[in-house]
């Protein structure tokens, strides 16, 4: 997977290298994290849908937005340390409760910040 974020001009790859380009400098690990939750009504209707089964469109949309936000944060973190690319990008995610009926979804994008020629 390759993604370039126009607001940051940082190339993000899931590969460990960038074919056709030389790694000039390895800077180190960088992270971008997004935490989101659905509102009470969304959680309630999602719980009701879970009883009967089926696709959870609201949760799917929330997680997709969380991934996108985490990538933007990752690109900004890489640019802040002088990188123009992130290699070996991966996602990690989890869920935790912040109170009754309030589930929070956390997505972290991480990789190695590098400077490519």
PDB file of N, CA and C in Angstrom:
ATOM      1  N   UNK A   1       0.843  -1.178   0.000  1.00  0.00           N
ATOM      2  CA  UNK A   1       0.000   0.000   0.000  1.00  0.00           C
ATOM      3  C   UNK A   1       0.883   1.235   0.000  1.00  0.00           C
ATOM      4  N   UNK A   2       0.540   2.174  -0.821  1.00  0.00           N
ATOM      5  CA  UNK A   2       1.250   3.450  -0.832  1.00  0.00           C
ATOM      6  C   UNK A   2       0.215   4.552  -0.750  1.00  0.00           C
ATOM      7  N   UNK A   3       0.502   5.517   0.061  1.00  0.00           N
ATOM      8  CA  UNK A   3      -0.385   6.674   0.186  1.00  0.00           C
ATOM      9  C   UNK A   3       0.479   7.905   0.342  1.00  0.00           C
ATOM     10  N   UNK A   4       0.056   8.974  -0.295  1.00  0.00           N
ATOM     11  CA  UNK A   4       0.744  10.242  -0.116  1.00  0.00           C
ATOM     12  C   UNK A   4      -0.297  11.253   0.316  1.00  0.00           C
ATOM     13  N   UNK A   5      -0.009  11.965   1.361  1.00  0.00           N
ATOM     14  CA  UNK A   5      -0.950  12.938   1.872  1.00  0.00           C
ATOM     15  C   UNK A   5      -0.532  14.321   1.392  1.00  0.00           C
ATOM     16  N   UNK A   6      -1.353  14.951   0.532  1.00  0.00           N
ATOM     17  CA  UNK A   6      -0.996  16.242  -0.049  1.00  0.00           C
ATOM     18  C   UNK A   6      -0.632  17.303   0.977  1.00  0.00           C
ATOM     19  N   UNK A   7      -1.299  17.278   2.140  1.00  0.00           N
ATOM     20  CA  UNK A   7      -1.016  18.302   3.137  1.00  0.00           C
ATOM     21  C   UNK A   7       0.354  18.132   3.763  1.00  0.00           C
ATOM     22  N   UNK A   8       0.986  16.975   3.562  1.00  0.00           N
ATOM     23  CA  UNK A   8       2.274  16.762   4.213  1.00  0.00           C
ATOM     24  C   UNK A   8       3.371  16.299   3.251  1.00  0.00           C
ATOM     25  N   UNK A   9       3.015  15.849   2.050  1.00  0.00           N
ATOM     26  CA  UNK A   9       3.993  15.349   1.087  1.00  0.00           C
ATOM     27  C   UNK A   9       4.847  14.224   1.665  1.00  0.00           C
ATOM     28  N   UNK A  10       4.263  13.370   2.458  1.00  0.00           N
ATOM     29  CA  UNK A  10       4.955  12.226   3.040  1.00  0.00           C
ATOM     30  C   UNK A  10       4.420  10.962   2.378  1.00  0.00           C
ATOM     31  N   UNK A  11       5.317  10.172   1.825  1.00  0.00           N
ATOM     32  CA  UNK A  11       4.959   8.894   1.220  1.00  0.00           C
ATOM     33  C   UNK A  11       4.865   7.853   2.318  1.00  0.00           C
ATOM     34  N   UNK A  12       3.762   7.107   2.347  1.00  0.00           N
ATOM     35  CA  UNK A  12       3.571   6.072   3.360  1.00  0.00           C
ATOM     36  C   UNK A  12       3.454   4.734   2.642  1.00  0.00           C
ATOM     37  N   UNK A  13       4.359   3.808   3.013  1.00  0.00           N
ATOM     38  CA  UNK A  13       4.388   2.487   2.391  1.00  0.00           C
ATOM     39  C   UNK A  13       4.305   1.389   3.438  1.00  0.00           C
ATOM     40  N   UNK A  14       3.652   0.291   3.088  1.00  0.00           N
ATOM     41  CA  UNK A  14       3.671  -0.877   3.961  1.00  0.00           C
ATOM     42  C   UNK A  14       4.905  -1.733   3.685  1.00  0.00           C
ATOM     43  N   UNK A  15       5.627  -1.416   2.639  1.00  0.00           N
ATOM     44  CA  UNK A  15       6.863  -2.131   2.291  1.00  0.00           C
ATOM     45  C   UNK A  15       8.004  -1.708   3.221  1.00  0.00           C
ATOM     46  N   UNK A  16       9.032  -2.550   3.301  1.00  0.00           N
ATOM     47  CA  UNK A  16      10.196  -2.219   4.124  1.00  0.00           C
ATOM     48  C   UNK A  16      11.207  -1.346   3.396  1.00  0.00           C
ATOM     49  N   UNK A  17      11.000  -1.142   2.100  1.00  0.00           N
ATOM     50  CA  UNK A  17      11.855  -0.253   1.322  1.00  0.00           C
ATOM     51  C   UNK A  17      10.993   0.390   0.242  1.00  0.00           C
ATOM     52  N   UNK A  18      11.616   1.243  -0.555  1.00  0.00           N
ATOM     53  CA  UNK A  18      10.878   1.920  -1.616  1.00  0.00           C
ATOM     54  C   UNK A  18      11.587   1.630  -2.932  1.00  0.00           C
ATOM     55  N   UNK A  19      11.060   0.736  -3.739  1.00  0.00           N
ATOM     56  CA  UNK A  19      11.712   0.368  -4.997  1.00  0.00           C
ATOM     57  C   UNK A  19      12.027   1.600  -5.855  1.00  0.00           C
ATOM     58  N   UNK A  20      13.264   1.644  -6.327  1.00  0.00           N
ATOM     59  CA  UNK A  20      13.696   2.746  -7.177  1.00  0.00           C
ATOM     60  C   UNK A  20      14.191   3.963  -6.414  1.00  0.00           C
ATOM     61  N   UNK A  21      14.091   3.944  -5.104  1.00  0.00           N
ATOM     62  CA  UNK A  21      14.557   5.064  -4.285  1.00  0.00           C
ATOM     63  C   UNK A  21      15.562   4.540  -3.268  1.00  0.00           C
ATOM     64  N   UNK A  22      16.480   5.400  -2.852  1.00  0.00           N
ATOM     65  CA  UNK A  22      17.497   5.045  -1.869  1.00  0.00           C
ATOM     66  C   UNK A  22      17.160   5.698  -0.538  1.00  0.00           C
ATOM     67  N   UNK A  23      17.297   4.912   0.534  1.00  0.00           N
ATOM     68  CA  UNK A  23      17.100   5.463   1.874  1.00  0.00           C
ATOM     69  C   UNK A  23      18.370   6.213   2.242  1.00  0.00           C
ATOM     70  N   UNK A  24      18.264   7.512   2.364  1.00  0.00           N
ATOM     71  CA  UNK A  24      19.409   8.342   2.717  1.00  0.00           C
ATOM     72  C   UNK A  24      19.639   8.327   4.229  1.00  0.00           C
ATOM     73  N   UNK A  25      18.545   8.353   5.014  1.00  0.00           N
ATOM     74  CA  UNK A  25      18.684   8.400   6.462  1.00  0.00           C
ATOM     75  C   UNK A  25      17.470   7.750   7.116  1.00  0.00           C
ATOM     76  N   UNK A  26      17.715   6.928   8.122  1.00  0.00           N
ATOM     77  CA  UNK A  26      16.644   6.350   8.939  1.00  0.00           C
ATOM     78  C   UNK A  26      16.520   7.208  10.192  1.00  0.00           C
ATOM     79  N   UNK A  27      15.338   7.730  10.423  1.00  0.00           N
ATOM     80  CA  UNK A  27      15.112   8.597  11.577  1.00  0.00           C
ATOM     81  C   UNK A  27      14.615   7.789  12.774  1.00  0.00           C
ATOM     82  N   UNK A  28      13.647   6.925  12.562  1.00  0.00           N
ATOM     83  CA  UNK A  28      13.139   6.089  13.644  1.00  0.00           C
ATOM     84  C   UNK A  28      11.631   5.967  13.627  1.00  0.00           C
ATOM     85  N   UNK A  29      11.089   5.355  14.668  1.00  0.00           N
ATOM     86  CA  UNK A  29       9.645   5.108  14.699  1.00  0.00           C
ATOM     87  C   UNK A  29       8.826   6.391  14.856  1.00  0.00           C
ATOM     88  N   UNK A  30       7.684   6.396  14.176  1.00  0.00           N
ATOM     89  CA  UNK A  30       6.710   7.484  14.297  1.00  0.00           C
ATOM     90  C   UNK A  30       5.322   6.868  14.433  1.00  0.00           C
ATOM     91  N   UNK A  31       4.422   7.625  15.051  1.00  0.00           N
ATOM     92  CA  UNK A  31       3.091   7.122  15.351  1.00  0.00           C
ATOM     93  C   UNK A  31       2.044   8.176  15.043  1.00  0.00           C
ATOM     94  N   UNK A  32       0.876   7.714  14.700  1.00  0.00           N
ATOM     95  CA  UNK A  32      -0.289   8.580  14.565  1.00  0.00           C
ATOM     96  C   UNK A  32      -1.470   7.855  15.179  1.00  0.00           C
ATOM     97  N   UNK A  33      -2.164   8.498  16.092  1.00  0.00           N
ATOM     98  CA  UNK A  33      -3.258   7.838  16.808  1.00  0.00           C
ATOM     99  C   UNK A  33      -4.547   8.624  16.683  1.00  0.00           C
ATOM    100  N   UNK A  34      -5.643   7.899  16.538  1.00  0.00           N
ATOM    101  CA  UNK A  34      -6.973   8.493  16.509  1.00  0.00           C
ATOM    102  C   UNK A  34      -7.856   7.733  17.493  1.00  0.00           C
ATOM    103  N   UNK A  35      -8.603   8.461  18.286  1.00  0.00           N
ATOM    104  CA  UNK A  35      -9.560   7.856  19.217  1.00  0.00           C
ATOM    105  C   UNK A  35     -10.926   8.452  18.906  1.00  0.00           C
ATOM    106  N   UNK A  36     -11.902   7.590  18.696  1.00  0.00           N
ATOM    107  CA  UNK A  36     -13.259   8.045  18.366  1.00  0.00           C
ATOM    108  C   UNK A  36     -14.273   7.241  19.153  1.00  0.00           C
ATOM    109  N   UNK A  37     -15.438   7.817  19.275  1.00  0.00           N
ATOM    110  CA  UNK A  37     -16.559   7.102  19.882  1.00  0.00           C
ATOM    111  C   UNK A  37     -17.822   7.479  19.127  1.00  0.00           C
ATOM    112  N   UNK A  38     -18.800   6.617  19.244  1.00  0.00           N
ATOM    113  CA  UNK A  38     -20.119   6.940  18.711  1.00  0.00           C
ATOM    114  C   UNK A  38     -20.924   7.570  19.826  1.00  0.00           C
ATOM    115  N   UNK A  39     -21.941   8.324  19.456  1.00  0.00           N
ATOM    116  CA  UNK A  39     -22.787   8.920  20.483  1.00  0.00           C
ATOM    117  C   UNK A  39     -23.666   7.848  21.133  1.00  0.00           C
ATOM    118  N   UNK A  40     -24.370   8.221  22.181  1.00  0.00           N
ATOM    119  CA  UNK A  40     -25.177   7.263  22.931  1.00  0.00           C
ATOM    120  C   UNK A  40     -26.183   6.553  22.025  1.00  0.00           C
ATOM    121  N   UNK A  41     -26.868   7.316  21.173  1.00  0.00           N
ATOM    122  CA  UNK A  41     -27.882   6.722  20.288  1.00  0.00           C
ATOM    123  C   UNK A  41     -27.237   5.735  19.315  1.00  0.00           C
ATOM    124  N   UNK A  42     -26.076   6.098  18.764  1.00  0.00           N
ATOM    125  CA  UNK A  42     -25.382   5.195  17.846  1.00  0.00           C
ATOM    126  C   UNK A  42     -24.974   3.905  18.521  1.00  0.00           C
ATOM    127  N   UNK A  43     -24.476   4.006  19.752  1.00  0.00           N
ATOM    128  CA  UNK A  43     -24.123   2.811  20.515  1.00  0.00           C
ATOM    129  C   UNK A  43     -25.355   1.960  20.815  1.00  0.00           C
ATOM    130  N   UNK A  44     -26.454   2.614  21.168  1.00  0.00           N
ATOM    131  CA  UNK A  44     -27.676   1.885  21.509  1.00  0.00           C
ATOM    132  C   UNK A  44     -28.216   1.127  20.295  1.00  0.00           C
ATOM    133  N   UNK A  45     -28.314   1.835  19.139  1.00  0.00           N
ATOM    134  CA  UNK A  45     -28.810   1.179  17.926  1.00  0.00           C
ATOM    135  C   UNK A  45     -27.845   0.095  17.449  1.00  0.00           C
ATOM    136  N   UNK A  46     -26.531   0.333  17.611  1.00  0.00           N
ATOM    137  CA  UNK A  46     -25.537  -0.686  17.255  1.00  0.00           C
ATOM    138  C   UNK A  46     -25.705  -1.934  18.103  1.00  0.00           C
ATOM    139  N   UNK A  47     -25.979  -1.741  19.404  1.00  0.00           N
ATOM    140  CA  UNK A  47     -26.222  -2.875  20.289  1.00  0.00           C
ATOM    141  C   UNK A  47     -27.476  -3.631  19.905  1.00  0.00           C
ATOM    142  N   UNK A  48     -28.515  -2.899  19.508  1.00  0.00           N
ATOM    143  CA  UNK A  48     -29.760  -3.524  19.064  1.00  0.00           C
ATOM    144  C   UNK A  48     -29.518  -4.342  17.793  1.00  0.00           C
ATOM    145  N   UNK A  49     -28.755  -3.780  16.844  1.00  0.00           N
ATOM    146  CA  UNK A  49     -28.437  -4.509  15.617  1.00  0.00           C
ATOM    147  C   UNK A  49     -27.634  -5.773  15.914  1.00  0.00           C
ATOM    148  N   UNK A  50     -26.755  -5.686  16.906  1.00  0.00           N
ATOM    149  CA  UNK A  50     -25.930  -6.843  17.252  1.00  0.00           C
ATOM    150  C   UNK A  50     -26.779  -8.010  17.731  1.00  0.00           C
ATOM    151  N   UNK A  51     -27.901  -7.720  18.356  1.00  0.00           N
ATOM    152  CA  UNK A  51     -28.795  -8.783  18.825  1.00  0.00           C
ATOM    153  C   UNK A  51     -29.315  -9.597  17.649  1.00  0.00           C
ATOM    154  N   UNK A  52     -29.651  -8.921  16.554  1.00  0.00           N
ATOM    155  CA  UNK A  52     -30.229  -9.580  15.393  1.00  0.00           C
ATOM    156  C   UNK A  52     -29.197  -9.944  14.325  1.00  0.00           C
ATOM    157  N   UNK A  53     -27.966  -9.505  14.508  1.00  0.00           N
ATOM    158  CA  UNK A  53     -26.911  -9.797  13.535  1.00  0.00           C
ATOM    159  C   UNK A  53     -26.947  -8.812  12.381  1.00  0.00           C
ATOM    160  N   UNK A  54     -25.945  -8.887  11.559  1.00  0.00           N
ATOM    161  CA  UNK A  54     -25.894  -8.023  10.388  1.00  0.00           C
ATOM    162  C   UNK A  54     -24.726  -7.060  10.429  1.00  0.00           C
ATOM    163  N   UNK A  55     -24.583  -6.341   9.352  1.00  0.00           N
ATOM    164  CA  UNK A  55     -23.477  -5.404   9.188  1.00  0.00           C
ATOM    165  C   UNK A  55     -23.667  -4.193  10.093  1.00  0.00           C
ATOM    166  N   UNK A  56     -22.576  -3.771  10.710  1.00  0.00           N
ATOM    167  CA  UNK A  56     -22.586  -2.618  11.610  1.00  0.00           C
ATOM    168  C   UNK A  56     -22.043  -1.401  10.856  1.00  0.00           C
ATOM    169  N   UNK A  57     -22.882  -0.770  10.045  1.00  0.00           N
ATOM    170  CA  UNK A  57     -22.447   0.333   9.190  1.00  0.00           C
ATOM    171  C   UNK A  57     -21.872   1.507   9.972  1.00  0.00           C
ATOM    172  N   UNK A  58     -22.481   1.856  11.087  1.00  0.00           N
ATOM    173  CA  UNK A  58     -22.005   2.988  11.883  1.00  0.00           C
ATOM    174  C   UNK A  58     -20.610   2.741  12.432  1.00  0.00           C
ATOM    175  N   UNK A  59     -20.377   1.546  12.948  1.00  0.00           N
ATOM    176  CA  UNK A  59     -19.055   1.212  13.488  1.00  0.00           C
ATOM    177  C   UNK A  59     -18.022   1.110  12.372  1.00  0.00           C
ATOM    178  N   UNK A  60     -18.427   0.561  11.223  1.00  0.00           N
ATOM    179  CA  UNK A  60     -17.518   0.458  10.080  1.00  0.00           C
ATOM    180  C   UNK A  60     -17.062   1.844   9.634  1.00  0.00           C
ATOM    181  N   UNK A  61     -17.997   2.779   9.565  1.00  0.00           N
ATOM    182  CA  UNK A  61     -17.668   4.154   9.164  1.00  0.00           C
ATOM    183  C   UNK A  61     -16.751   4.809  10.197  1.00  0.00           C
ATOM    184  N   UNK A  62     -17.021   4.580  11.488  1.00  0.00           N
ATOM    185  CA  UNK A  62     -16.201   5.164  12.546  1.00  0.00           C
ATOM    186  C   UNK A  62     -14.763   4.645  12.465  1.00  0.00           C
ATOM    187  N   UNK A  63     -14.595   3.351  12.257  1.00  0.00           N
ATOM    188  CA  UNK A  63     -13.253   2.769  12.194  1.00  0.00           C
ATOM    189  C   UNK A  63     -12.514   3.254  10.946  1.00  0.00           C
ATOM    190  N   UNK A  64     -13.216   3.378   9.835  1.00  0.00           N
ATOM    191  CA  UNK A  64     -12.602   3.891   8.614  1.00  0.00           C
ATOM    192  C   UNK A  64     -12.103   5.320   8.815  1.00  0.00           C
ATOM    193  N   UNK A  65     -12.897   6.143   9.474  1.00  0.00           N
ATOM    194  CA  UNK A  65     -12.472   7.520   9.772  1.00  0.00           C
ATOM    195  C   UNK A  65     -11.281   7.527  10.725  1.00  0.00           C
ATOM    196  N   UNK A  66     -11.303   6.623  11.687  1.00  0.00           N
ATOM    197  CA  UNK A  66     -10.182   6.533  12.632  1.00  0.00           C
ATOM    198  C   UNK A  66      -8.893   6.176  11.915  1.00  0.00           C
ATOM    199  N   UNK A  67      -8.948   5.236  10.982  1.00  0.00           N
ATOM    200  CA  UNK A  67      -7.753   4.870  10.203  1.00  0.00           C
ATOM    201  C   UNK A  67      -7.249   6.052   9.395  1.00  0.00           C
ATOM    202  N   UNK A  68      -8.151   6.750   8.736  1.00  0.00           N
ATOM    203  CA  UNK A  68      -7.756   7.919   7.938  1.00  0.00           C
ATOM    204  C   UNK A  68      -7.122   8.996   8.813  1.00  0.00           C
ATOM    205  N   UNK A  69      -7.727   9.262   9.957  1.00  0.00           N
ATOM    206  CA  UNK A  69      -7.176  10.256  10.883  1.00  0.00           C
ATOM    207  C   UNK A  69      -5.796   9.835  11.381  1.00  0.00           C
ATOM    208  N   UNK A  70      -5.636   8.546  11.690  1.00  0.00           N
ATOM    209  CA  UNK A  70      -4.345   8.045  12.181  1.00  0.00           C
ATOM    210  C   UNK A  70      -3.266   8.209  11.113  1.00  0.00           C
ATOM    211  N   UNK A  71      -3.611   7.998   9.837  1.00  0.00           N
ATOM    212  CA  UNK A  71      -2.636   8.185   8.751  1.00  0.00           C
ATOM    213  C   UNK A  71      -2.231   9.645   8.614  1.00  0.00           C
ATOM    214  N   UNK A  72      -3.182  10.551   8.757  1.00  0.00           N
ATOM    215  CA  UNK A  72      -2.863  11.982   8.692  1.00  0.00           C
ATOM    216  C   UNK A  72      -1.922  12.344   9.836  1.00  0.00           C
ATOM    217  N   UNK A  73      -2.230  11.854  11.047  1.00  0.00           N
ATOM    218  CA  UNK A  73      -1.370  12.121  12.206  1.00  0.00           C
ATOM    219  C   UNK A  73       0.024  11.521  12.002  1.00  0.00           C
ATOM    220  N   UNK A  74       0.091  10.334  11.415  1.00  0.00           N
ATOM    221  CA  UNK A  74       1.375   9.686  11.137  1.00  0.00           C
ATOM    222  C   UNK A  74       2.208  10.527  10.173  1.00  0.00           C
ATOM    223  N   UNK A  75       1.585  10.995   9.104  1.00  0.00           N
ATOM    224  CA  UNK A  75       2.289  11.816   8.120  1.00  0.00           C
ATOM    225  C   UNK A  75       2.796  13.108   8.764  1.00  0.00           C
ATOM    226  N   UNK A  76       1.980  13.722   9.609  1.00  0.00           N
ATOM    227  CA  UNK A  76       2.403  14.952  10.288  1.00  0.00           C
ATOM    228  C   UNK A  76       3.566  14.690  11.241  1.00  0.00           C
ATOM    229  N   UNK A  77       3.531  13.561  11.946  1.00  0.00           N
ATOM    230  CA  UNK A  77       4.624  13.215  12.863  1.00  0.00           C
ATOM    231  C   UNK A  77       5.917  12.981  12.092  1.00  0.00           C
ATOM    232  N   UNK A  78       5.824  12.320  10.941  1.00  0.00           N
ATOM    233  CA  UNK A  78       7.009  12.060  10.117  1.00  0.00           C
ATOM    234  C   UNK A  78       7.599  13.367   9.596  1.00  0.00           C
ATOM    235  N   UNK A  79       6.741  14.242   9.111  1.00  0.00           N
ATOM    236  CA  UNK A  79       7.218  15.523   8.594  1.00  0.00           C
ATOM    237  C   UNK A  79       7.865  16.350   9.708  1.00  0.00           C
ATOM    238  N   UNK A  80       7.312  16.273  10.920  1.00  0.00           N
ATOM    239  CA  UNK A  80       7.837  17.043  12.049  1.00  0.00           C
ATOM    240  C   UNK A  80       9.266  16.639  12.411  1.00  0.00           C
ATOM    241  N   UNK A  81       9.653  15.398  12.112  1.00  0.00           N
ATOM    242  CA  UNK A  81      11.018  14.953  12.416  1.00  0.00           C
ATOM    243  C   UNK A  81      11.921  14.997  11.186  1.00  0.00           C
ATOM    244  N   UNK A  82      11.428  15.577  10.090  1.00  0.00           N
ATOM    245  CA  UNK A  82      12.251  15.760   8.900  1.00  0.00           C
ATOM    246  C   UNK A  82      12.212  14.635   7.890  1.00  0.00           C
ATOM    247  N   UNK A  83      11.258  13.725   8.019  1.00  0.00           N
ATOM    248  CA  UNK A  83      11.152  12.601   7.083  1.00  0.00           C
ATOM    249  C   UNK A  83      10.299  12.983   5.878  1.00  0.00           C
ATOM    250  N   UNK A  84      10.552  12.306   4.764  1.00  0.00           N
ATOM    251  CA  UNK A  84       9.683  12.473   3.600  1.00  0.00           C
ATOM    252  C   UNK A  84       8.963  11.173   3.255  1.00  0.00           C
ATOM    253  N   UNK A  85       9.171  10.138   4.097  1.00  0.00           N
ATOM    254  CA  UNK A  85       8.492   8.855   3.887  1.00  0.00           C
ATOM    255  C   UNK A  85       8.410   8.084   5.202  1.00  0.00           C
ATOM    256  N   UNK A  86       7.423   7.181   5.248  1.00  0.00           N
ATOM    257  CA  UNK A  86       7.295   6.231   6.355  1.00  0.00           C
ATOM    258  C   UNK A  86       7.257   4.849   5.731  1.00  0.00           C
ATOM    259  N   UNK A  87       8.164   3.987   6.169  1.00  0.00           N
ATOM    260  CA  UNK A  87       8.221   2.613   5.667  1.00  0.00           C
ATOM    261  C   UNK A  87       7.667   1.652   6.710  1.00  0.00           C
ATOM    262  N   UNK A  88       7.256   0.471   6.241  1.00  0.00           N
ATOM    263  CA  UNK A  88       6.749  -0.612   7.096  1.00  0.00           C
ATOM    264  C   UNK A  88       5.570  -0.148   7.954  1.00  0.00           C
ATOM    265  N   UNK A  89       4.680   0.650   7.370  1.00  0.00           N
ATOM    266  CA  UNK A  89       3.527   1.153   8.108  1.00  0.00           C
ATOM    267  C   UNK A  89       2.587   0.006   8.447  1.00  0.00           C
ATOM    268  N   UNK A  90       2.089   0.029   9.684  1.00  0.00           N
ATOM    269  CA  UNK A  90       1.125  -0.951  10.158  1.00  0.00           C
ATOM    270  C   UNK A  90       0.068  -0.221  10.988  1.00  0.00           C
ATOM    271  N   UNK A  91      -1.058  -0.904  11.183  1.00  0.00           N
ATOM    272  CA  UNK A  91      -2.112  -0.405  12.059  1.00  0.00           C
ATOM    273  C   UNK A  91      -2.217  -1.301  13.281  1.00  0.00           C
ATOM    274  N   UNK A  92      -2.574  -0.695  14.394  1.00  0.00           N
ATOM    275  CA  UNK A  92      -2.939  -1.423  15.601  1.00  0.00           C
ATOM    276  C   UNK A  92      -4.222  -0.775  16.090  1.00  0.00           C
ATOM    277  N   UNK A  93      -5.105  -1.563  16.664  1.00  0.00           N
ATOM    278  CA  UNK A  93      -6.366  -0.974  17.134  1.00  0.00           C
ATOM    279  C   UNK A  93      -6.831  -1.652  18.406  1.00  0.00           C
ATOM    280  N   UNK A  94      -7.694  -0.961  19.087  1.00  0.00           N
ATOM    281  CA  UNK A  94      -8.259  -1.490  20.317  1.00  0.00           C
ATOM    282  C   UNK A  94      -9.524  -0.745  20.665  1.00  0.00           C
ATOM    283  N   UNK A  95     -10.185  -1.230  21.681  1.00  0.00           N
ATOM    284  CA  UNK A  95     -11.422  -0.612  22.136  1.00  0.00           C
ATOM    285  C   UNK A  95     -11.396  -0.587  23.652  1.00  0.00           C
ATOM    286  N   UNK A  96     -11.943   0.465  24.214  1.00  0.00           N
ATOM    287  CA  UNK A  96     -12.044   0.557  25.664  1.00  0.00           C
ATOM    288  C   UNK A  96     -13.301   1.331  26.025  1.00  0.00           C
ATOM    289  N   UNK A  97     -13.759   1.127  27.234  1.00  0.00           N
ATOM    290  CA  UNK A  97     -14.953   1.822  27.723  1.00  0.00           C
ATOM    291  C   UNK A  97     -14.549   3.085  28.452  1.00  0.00           C
ATOM    292  N   UNK A  98     -15.286   4.157  28.192  1.00  0.00           N
ATOM    293  CA  UNK A  98     -15.034   5.413  28.906  1.00  0.00           C
ATOM    294  C   UNK A  98     -16.197   5.749  29.827  1.00  0.00           C
ATOM    295  N   UNK A  99     -17.075   4.788  30.004  1.00  0.00           N
ATOM    296  CA  UNK A  99     -18.231   4.989  30.871  1.00  0.00           C
ATOM    297  C   UNK A  99     -19.364   4.116  30.392  1.00  0.00           C
ATOM    298  N   UNK A 100     -20.470   4.112  31.097  1.00  0.00           N
ATOM    299  CA  UNK A 100     -21.606   3.266  30.714  1.00  0.00           C
ATOM    300  C   UNK A 100     -22.099   3.562  29.297  1.00  0.00           C
ATOM    301  N   UNK A 101     -22.093   2.545  28.472  1.00  0.00           N
ATOM    302  CA  UNK A 101     -22.606   2.680  27.110  1.00  0.00           C
ATOM    303  C   UNK A 101     -21.750   3.519  26.185  1.00  0.00           C
ATOM    304  N   UNK A 102     -20.501   3.773  26.536  1.00  0.00           N
ATOM    305  CA  UNK A 102     -19.656   4.640  25.718  1.00  0.00           C
ATOM    306  C   UNK A 102     -18.357   3.914  25.359  1.00  0.00           C
ATOM    307  N   UNK A 103     -18.364   3.205  24.261  1.00  0.00           N
ATOM    308  CA  UNK A 103     -17.176   2.498  23.794  1.00  0.00           C
ATOM    309  C   UNK A 103     -16.325   3.438  22.948  1.00  0.00           C
ATOM    310  N   UNK A 104     -15.039   3.413  23.184  1.00  0.00           N
ATOM    311  CA  UNK A 104     -14.083   4.232  22.433  1.00  0.00           C
ATOM    312  C   UNK A 104     -13.255   3.307  21.553  1.00  0.00           C
ATOM    313  N   UNK A 105     -13.015   3.713  20.313  1.00  0.00           N
ATOM    314  CA  UNK A 105     -12.180   2.959  19.385  1.00  0.00           C
ATOM    315  C   UNK A 105     -10.888   3.724  19.170  1.00  0.00           C
ATOM    316  N   UNK A 106      -9.766   3.028  19.297  1.00  0.00           N
ATOM    317  CA  UNK A 106      -8.448   3.641  19.119  1.00  0.00           C
ATOM    318  C   UNK A 106      -7.734   2.928  17.976  1.00  0.00           C
ATOM    319  N   UNK A 107      -7.197   3.701  17.046  1.00  0.00           N
ATOM    320  CA  UNK A 107      -6.410   3.167  15.942  1.00  0.00           C
ATOM    321  C   UNK A 107      -5.082   3.913  15.923  1.00  0.00           C
ATOM    322  N   UNK A 108      -3.984   3.160  15.888  1.00  0.00           N
ATOM    323  CA  UNK A 108      -2.664   3.744  15.775  1.00  0.00           C
ATOM    324  C   UNK A 108      -2.019   3.256  14.496  1.00  0.00           C
ATOM    325  N   UNK A 109      -1.503   4.186  13.710  1.00  0.00           N
ATOM    326  CA  UNK A 109      -0.705   3.866  12.530  1.00  0.00           C
ATOM    327  C   UNK A 109       0.751   4.119  12.935  1.00  0.00           C
ATOM    328  N   UNK A 110       1.636   3.187  12.612  1.00  0.00           N
ATOM    329  CA  UNK A 110       3.031   3.361  12.992  1.00  0.00           C
ATOM    330  C   UNK A 110       3.946   2.825  11.906  1.00  0.00           C
ATOM    331  N   UNK A 111       5.175   3.303  11.907  1.00  0.00           N
ATOM    332  CA  UNK A 111       6.154   2.861  10.926  1.00  0.00           C
ATOM    333  C   UNK A 111       7.492   3.533  11.198  1.00  0.00           C
ATOM    334  N   UNK A 112       8.409   3.388  10.255  1.00  0.00           N
ATOM    335  CA  UNK A 112       9.743   3.953  10.390  1.00  0.00           C
ATOM    336  C   UNK A 112       9.867   5.179   9.497  1.00  0.00           C
ATOM    337  N   UNK A 113      10.173   6.312  10.114  1.00  0.00           N
ATOM    338  CA  UNK A 113      10.367   7.563   9.375  1.00  0.00           C
ATOM    339  C   UNK A 113      11.742   7.528   8.717  1.00  0.00           C
ATOM    340  N   UNK A 114      11.794   7.872   7.440  1.00  0.00           N
ATOM    341  CA  UNK A 114      13.046   7.874   6.692  1.00  0.00           C
ATOM    342  C   UNK A 114      13.097   9.084   5.765  1.00  0.00           C
ATOM    343  N   UNK A 115      14.301   9.364   5.288  1.00  0.00           N
ATOM    344  CA  UNK A 115      14.484  10.358   4.243  1.00  0.00           C
ATOM    345  C   UNK A 115      14.916   9.583   3.001  1.00  0.00           C
ATOM    346  N   UNK A 116      14.126   9.705   1.935  1.00  0.00           N
ATOM    347  CA  UNK A 116      14.434   9.061   0.659  1.00  0.00           C
ATOM    348  C   UNK A 116      15.072  10.055  -0.296  1.00  0.00           C
ATOM    349  N   UNK A 117      15.997   9.566  -1.130  1.00  0.00           N
ATOM    350  CA  UNK A 117      16.555  10.411  -2.199  1.00  0.00           C
ATOM    351  C   UNK A 117      15.514  10.609  -3.279  1.00  0.00           C
TER     352      UNK A 117
END
